[in-house]
């Protein structure tokens, strides 16, 4: 059972792309707070965060593509039944 994503047991959960956008926003806000910190450790963390932000953006795009594919192929989810899989 998932704790964050929409499922039969968790109908008020998030779509995958939604939760990834929330995480991306949090990382972005934290990164902006260390931009002026010239210490090597802060710069290293900032560089890593920038890489992570790029990867999250790619993951969001892939999740959105999956959502479009499911909607296009099978329409909206009905009665809590999965559109694909078991």
Protein backbone atom coordinates (compact mmCIF):
# COMPACT_ATOMS: atom_id res chain seq x y z
CA UNK A 1 0.00 0.00 0.00
CA UNK A 2 1.28 3.45 -0.84
CA UNK A 3 1.15 6.31 1.63
CA UNK A 4 1.16 9.29 -0.72
CA UNK A 5 -0.22 8.28 -4.11
CA UNK A 6 -3.86 7.84 -5.13
CA UNK A 7 -5.03 4.26 -4.59
CA UNK A 8 -8.27 2.47 -3.71
CA UNK A 9 -7.27 2.72 -0.06
CA UNK A 10 -6.05 6.32 -0.38
CA UNK A 11 -8.42 8.16 -2.76
CA UNK A 12 -7.30 11.55 -1.47
CA UNK A 13 -3.66 10.86 -2.34
CA UNK A 14 -1.55 12.67 -4.90
CA UNK A 15 -0.82 11.94 -8.53
CA UNK A 16 2.85 11.06 -8.95
CA UNK A 17 3.58 14.27 -10.85
CA UNK A 18 1.90 16.31 -8.12
CA UNK A 19 4.06 14.97 -5.32
CA UNK A 20 7.20 15.34 -7.43
CA UNK A 21 6.30 19.00 -8.07
CA UNK A 22 5.94 19.60 -4.33
CA UNK A 23 9.36 18.06 -3.70
CA UNK A 24 10.89 20.07 -6.55
CA UNK A 25 9.48 23.29 -5.12
CA UNK A 26 10.88 22.52 -1.65
CA UNK A 27 14.34 21.79 -3.05
CA UNK A 28 14.24 24.94 -5.17
CA UNK A 29 13.33 27.11 -2.17
CA UNK A 30 16.11 25.58 -0.07
CA UNK A 31 18.60 26.02 -2.88
CA UNK A 32 17.84 29.73 -3.24
CA UNK A 33 18.67 30.20 0.44
CA UNK A 34 22.26 29.00 -0.05
CA UNK A 35 23.03 30.73 -3.35
CA UNK A 36 25.09 33.49 -1.72
CA UNK A 37 26.99 31.13 0.59
CA UNK A 38 30.47 30.85 -0.95
CA UNK A 39 31.70 28.07 1.30
CA UNK A 40 32.71 24.98 -0.70
CA UNK A 41 30.27 22.77 1.18
CA UNK A 42 27.33 25.06 0.39
CA UNK A 43 28.37 25.28 -3.26
CA UNK A 44 28.64 21.49 -3.43
CA UNK A 45 25.14 21.07 -1.98
CA UNK A 46 23.80 23.71 -4.36
CA UNK A 47 25.37 21.96 -7.36
CA UNK A 48 23.84 18.66 -6.27
CA UNK A 49 20.45 20.29 -5.77
CA UNK A 50 20.57 21.76 -9.26
CA UNK A 51 21.25 18.27 -10.66
CA UNK A 52 18.41 16.83 -8.58
CA UNK A 53 16.04 19.57 -9.79
CA UNK A 54 16.82 18.62 -13.39
CA UNK A 55 16.18 14.96 -12.71
CA UNK A 56 12.93 15.77 -10.93
CA UNK A 57 11.82 17.83 -13.93
CA UNK A 58 12.48 14.84 -16.17
CA UNK A 59 10.55 12.56 -13.80
CA UNK A 60 7.62 15.00 -13.72
CA UNK A 61 7.50 15.08 -17.52
CA UNK A 62 7.53 11.26 -17.67
CA UNK A 63 4.75 11.00 -15.06
CA UNK A 64 2.66 13.57 -16.95
CA UNK A 65 3.16 11.60 -20.18
CA UNK A 66 1.90 8.47 -18.42
CA UNK A 67 -1.16 10.32 -17.14
CA UNK A 68 -1.95 11.58 -20.65
CA UNK A 69 -1.50 8.08 -22.07
CA UNK A 70 -3.83 6.53 -19.48
CA UNK A 71 -6.48 9.23 -19.99
CA UNK A 72 -6.26 8.95 -23.77
CA UNK A 73 -6.32 5.16 -23.86
CA UNK A 74 -8.68 4.30 -21.01
CA UNK A 75 -10.40 7.48 -19.87
CA UNK A 76 -10.68 8.48 -16.21
CA UNK A 77 -10.30 5.94 -13.43
CA UNK A 78 -13.71 4.58 -12.42
CA UNK A 79 -14.95 3.07 -9.18
CA UNK A 80 -11.44 2.79 -7.80
CA UNK A 81 -10.56 0.11 -10.37
CA UNK A 82 -7.12 0.35 -11.97
CA UNK A 83 -7.08 1.23 -15.64
CA UNK A 84 -4.12 -1.09 -16.20
CA UNK A 85 -2.61 -3.88 -14.15
CA UNK A 86 -4.30 -5.84 -11.42
